[in-house]
């Protein structure tokens, strides 16, 4: 029996986020925190995420805000190692 190749867990999570029509910002913020990003500082809804050897990324969404597929793809591009 041939086993289908699956990417490592950290990549599967981002692939799921890329194909959803829209998700809440709170759920999206949890994904980079699980793969090693941390909140460096916060001013209102603007959170600056940091990770060693990566440029800082500003996550500027309210927790209950819906984020669509284009912004999800852009965030995945900036936050995926």
C-alpha atoms as a PDB file:
ATOM      1  CA  UNK A   1       0.000   0.000   0.000  1.00  0.00           C
ATOM      2  CA  UNK A   2       1.386   3.380  -1.005  1.00  0.00           C
ATOM      3  CA  UNK A   3       1.373   6.045   1.702  1.00  0.00           C
ATOM      4  CA  UNK A   4       0.521   9.573   0.604  1.00  0.00           C
ATOM      5  CA  UNK A   5       3.262  12.066   1.483  1.00  0.00           C
ATOM      6  CA  UNK A   6       2.170  14.761   3.940  1.00  0.00           C
ATOM      7  CA  UNK A   7       4.151  17.895   4.756  1.00  0.00           C
ATOM      8  CA  UNK A   8       5.330  18.492   8.325  1.00  0.00           C
ATOM      9  CA  UNK A   9       2.690  19.644  10.810  1.00  0.00           C
ATOM     10  CA  UNK A  10       3.729  23.308  10.786  1.00  0.00           C
ATOM     11  CA  UNK A  11       3.165  23.560   7.029  1.00  0.00           C
ATOM     12  CA  UNK A  12      -0.193  21.747   7.085  1.00  0.00           C
ATOM     13  CA  UNK A  13      -1.591  24.310   9.508  1.00  0.00           C
ATOM     14  CA  UNK A  14      -0.812  27.191   7.136  1.00  0.00           C
ATOM     15  CA  UNK A  15      -2.231  25.312   4.130  1.00  0.00           C
ATOM     16  CA  UNK A  16      -5.514  24.967   5.995  1.00  0.00           C
ATOM     17  CA  UNK A  17      -5.560  28.700   6.683  1.00  0.00           C
ATOM     18  CA  UNK A  18      -4.911  29.549   3.018  1.00  0.00           C
ATOM     19  CA  UNK A  19      -7.998  27.683   1.770  1.00  0.00           C
ATOM     20  CA  UNK A  20     -10.579  28.934   4.244  1.00  0.00           C
ATOM     21  CA  UNK A  21     -12.908  31.663   2.958  1.00  0.00           C
ATOM     22  CA  UNK A  22     -12.419  33.808   6.077  1.00  0.00           C
ATOM     23  CA  UNK A  23     -11.400  33.334   9.686  1.00  0.00           C
ATOM     24  CA  UNK A  24     -11.401  35.368  12.888  1.00  0.00           C
ATOM     25  CA  UNK A  25      -8.214  37.277  13.671  1.00  0.00           C
ATOM     26  CA  UNK A  26      -7.902  35.631  17.102  1.00  0.00           C
ATOM     27  CA  UNK A  27      -7.655  32.182  15.470  1.00  0.00           C
ATOM     28  CA  UNK A  28      -5.158  33.431  12.898  1.00  0.00           C
ATOM     29  CA  UNK A  29      -2.933  35.033  15.551  1.00  0.00           C
ATOM     30  CA  UNK A  30      -2.768  31.744  17.468  1.00  0.00           C
ATOM     31  CA  UNK A  31      -1.084  29.938  14.533  1.00  0.00           C
ATOM     32  CA  UNK A  32       2.162  31.986  14.391  1.00  0.00           C
ATOM     33  CA  UNK A  33       2.383  31.957  18.184  1.00  0.00           C
ATOM     34  CA  UNK A  34       2.415  28.142  18.035  1.00  0.00           C
ATOM     35  CA  UNK A  35       5.317  28.087  15.552  1.00  0.00           C
ATOM     36  CA  UNK A  36       7.628  30.333  17.541  1.00  0.00           C
ATOM     37  CA  UNK A  37       6.550  33.931  16.990  1.00  0.00           C
ATOM     38  CA  UNK A  38       5.917  36.058  20.082  1.00  0.00           C
ATOM     39  CA  UNK A  39       4.226  39.386  20.730  1.00  0.00           C
ATOM     40  CA  UNK A  40       6.984  41.955  21.186  1.00  0.00           C
ATOM     41  CA  UNK A  41       4.665  44.868  21.997  1.00  0.00           C
ATOM     42  CA  UNK A  42       1.038  45.867  21.621  1.00  0.00           C
ATOM     43  CA  UNK A  43      -0.696  49.222  21.152  1.00  0.00           C
ATOM     44  CA  UNK A  44      -4.453  48.778  20.911  1.00  0.00           C
ATOM     45  CA  UNK A  45      -5.165  46.167  18.251  1.00  0.00           C
ATOM     46  CA  UNK A  46      -1.689  46.507  16.687  1.00  0.00           C
ATOM     47  CA  UNK A  47       0.599  43.685  17.803  1.00  0.00           C
ATOM     48  CA  UNK A  48       4.231  43.532  16.705  1.00  0.00           C
ATOM     49  CA  UNK A  49       5.285  39.915  16.263  1.00  0.00           C
ATOM     50  CA  UNK A  50       8.937  38.989  16.464  1.00  0.00           C
ATOM     51  CA  UNK A  51      11.036  35.893  15.855  1.00  0.00           C
ATOM     52  CA  UNK A  52      14.845  35.546  15.891  1.00  0.00           C
ATOM     53  CA  UNK A  53      16.434  36.111  12.454  1.00  0.00           C
ATOM     54  CA  UNK A  54      13.133  37.344  10.964  1.00  0.00           C
ATOM     55  CA  UNK A  55      11.948  40.928  10.426  1.00  0.00           C
ATOM     56  CA  UNK A  56       9.198  42.107  12.772  1.00  0.00           C
ATOM     57  CA  UNK A  57       5.633  41.846  11.471  1.00  0.00           C
ATOM     58  CA  UNK A  58       2.752  44.078  12.573  1.00  0.00           C
ATOM     59  CA  UNK A  59      -0.530  42.197  13.085  1.00  0.00           C
ATOM     60  CA  UNK A  60      -3.149  44.970  13.046  1.00  0.00           C
ATOM     61  CA  UNK A  61      -6.541  43.298  13.477  1.00  0.00           C
ATOM     62  CA  UNK A  62      -9.154  43.255  16.236  1.00  0.00           C
ATOM     63  CA  UNK A  63      -9.704  39.763  17.680  1.00  0.00           C
ATOM     64  CA  UNK A  64     -13.258  39.390  16.351  1.00  0.00           C
ATOM     65  CA  UNK A  65     -12.515  40.773  12.885  1.00  0.00           C
ATOM     66  CA  UNK A  66     -12.987  38.495   9.858  1.00  0.00           C
ATOM     67  CA  UNK A  67      -9.890  38.156   7.670  1.00  0.00           C
ATOM     68  CA  UNK A  68     -10.384  37.061   4.064  1.00  0.00           C
ATOM     69  CA  UNK A  69      -8.352  34.698   1.880  1.00  0.00           C
ATOM     70  CA  UNK A  70      -6.120  37.335   0.246  1.00  0.00           C
ATOM     71  CA  UNK A  71      -4.958  38.710   3.592  1.00  0.00           C
ATOM     72  CA  UNK A  72      -4.547  35.151   4.921  1.00  0.00           C
ATOM     73  CA  UNK A  73      -2.226  34.339   2.024  1.00  0.00           C
ATOM     74  CA  UNK A  74      -0.234  37.521   2.622  1.00  0.00           C
ATOM     75  CA  UNK A  75       0.125  36.797   6.355  1.00  0.00           C
ATOM     76  CA  UNK A  76       1.169  33.214   5.639  1.00  0.00           C
ATOM     77  CA  UNK A  77       3.848  34.500   3.257  1.00  0.00           C
ATOM     78  CA  UNK A  78       5.295  36.850   5.891  1.00  0.00           C
ATOM     79  CA  UNK A  79       5.016  34.544   8.908  1.00  0.00           C
ATOM     80  CA  UNK A  80       5.760  31.062   7.540  1.00  0.00           C
ATOM     81  CA  UNK A  81       9.354  29.910   8.169  1.00  0.00           C
END
